[in-house]
C-alpha cells in the first residue's frame, strides 16, 4: 500500500485510518501472518502513521536507498504487525 494526498489533508487522520483498514484486511481476509511497511528516514510522518495504526518499529537500515530529490543515500525504517 502506498499513500499520496495533498498537504491540506495531512494531520487529519486519513493516512492512519486507511492503513488500519488495510492491515485489518490483510491480516483477517487475506490471512497473511505479517504486514511489513517502511518509510525513508526523512519522512518521519509516515512512521507516525504506522505507529498510530498499531505497527511496531523493527529495524533501521542505513544507506538503504537513494533519495531521488537530493541524490544522497538514506536510511529506511521498517515496521511490522503480526496476526
Protein backbone atom coordinates (compact mmCIF):
# COMPACT_ATOMS: atom_id res chain seq x y z
CA UNK A 1 0.00 0.00 0.00
CA UNK A 2 1.22 3.47 -0.71
CA UNK A 3 -0.43 6.76 0.02
CA UNK A 4 -0.19 10.14 -1.56
CA UNK A 5 -2.53 13.04 -0.94
CA UNK A 6 -2.42 16.81 -0.82
CA UNK A 7 -0.92 18.66 2.13
CA UNK A 8 -4.27 20.21 3.05
CA UNK A 9 -5.32 16.67 4.11
CA UNK A 10 -2.26 15.99 6.28
CA UNK A 11 -2.68 15.57 10.06
CA UNK A 12 -6.38 14.77 9.79
CA UNK A 13 -6.05 11.03 10.45
CA UNK A 14 -6.78 9.86 6.89
CA UNK A 15 -3.47 8.04 6.49
CA UNK A 16 -3.84 6.24 9.83
CA UNK A 17 -7.44 5.26 9.10
CA UNK A 18 -6.55 3.93 5.64
CA UNK A 19 -3.58 1.95 6.98
CA UNK A 20 -5.67 0.43 9.80
CA UNK A 21 -8.26 -0.79 7.27
CA UNK A 22 -5.52 -2.16 5.01
CA UNK A 23 -3.87 -4.01 7.91
CA UNK A 24 -7.18 -5.48 9.04
CA UNK A 25 -7.96 -6.62 5.51
CA UNK A 26 -4.53 -8.22 5.01
CA UNK A 27 -4.47 -9.99 8.39
CA UNK A 28 -8.11 -11.11 8.56
CA UNK A 29 -9.35 -11.50 4.98
CA UNK A 30 -6.19 -12.37 3.07
CA UNK A 31 -4.83 -14.08 6.21
CA UNK A 32 -1.20 -13.13 5.85
CA UNK A 33 0.84 -13.67 9.01
CA UNK A 34 2.63 -10.33 8.97
CA UNK A 35 2.34 -6.92 7.33
CA UNK A 36 5.64 -5.11 6.82
CA UNK A 37 5.99 -1.45 5.87
CA UNK A 38 8.81 1.05 5.59
CA UNK A 39 9.46 4.73 5.09
CA UNK A 40 12.52 6.81 4.39
CA UNK A 41 14.14 8.34 7.44
CA UNK A 42 13.38 11.84 6.14
CA UNK A 43 9.63 11.07 6.07
CA UNK A 44 9.00 10.70 9.80
CA UNK A 45 5.29 11.50 9.37
CA UNK A 46 4.82 8.12 7.68
CA UNK A 47 6.41 6.46 10.70
CA UNK A 48 3.91 8.24 12.95
CA UNK A 49 1.07 6.86 10.83
CA UNK A 50 2.48 3.34 11.09
CA UNK A 51 2.82 3.62 14.86
CA UNK A 52 -0.70 5.01 15.28
CA UNK A 53 -2.01 2.11 13.17
CA UNK A 54 -0.52 -0.34 15.68
CA UNK A 55 2.68 -1.27 13.88
CA UNK A 56 5.97 -1.56 15.78
CA UNK A 57 9.33 -0.25 14.63
CA UNK A 58 11.60 -3.17 13.83
CA UNK A 59 14.76 -2.04 12.08
CA UNK A 60 16.57 0.92 10.57
CA UNK A 61 18.75 0.09 7.58
CA UNK A 62 21.35 2.81 6.96
CA UNK A 63 22.19 3.92 3.43
CA UNK A 64 19.47 1.64 2.09
CA UNK A 65 18.13 3.77 -0.75
CA UNK A 66 18.91 6.88 -2.75
CA UNK A 67 16.74 9.95 -2.24
CA UNK A 68 15.61 10.98 -5.75
CA UNK A 69 15.48 14.67 -4.84
CA UNK A 70 18.86 15.01 -3.14
CA UNK A 71 20.82 12.09 -4.60
CA UNK A 72 22.02 11.17 -1.10
CA UNK A 73 21.74 7.71 0.40
CA UNK A 74 19.07 7.46 3.04
CA UNK A 75 18.00 5.04 5.74
CA UNK A 76 14.81 3.03 5.51
CA UNK A 77 12.80 2.48 8.70
CA UNK A 78 10.86 -0.80 8.83
CA UNK A 79 7.69 -1.52 10.83
CA UNK A 80 5.55 -4.63 11.19
CA UNK A 81 2.39 -6.02 12.71
CA UNK A 82 1.53 -9.68 13.10
CA UNK A 83 -1.70 -11.59 13.31
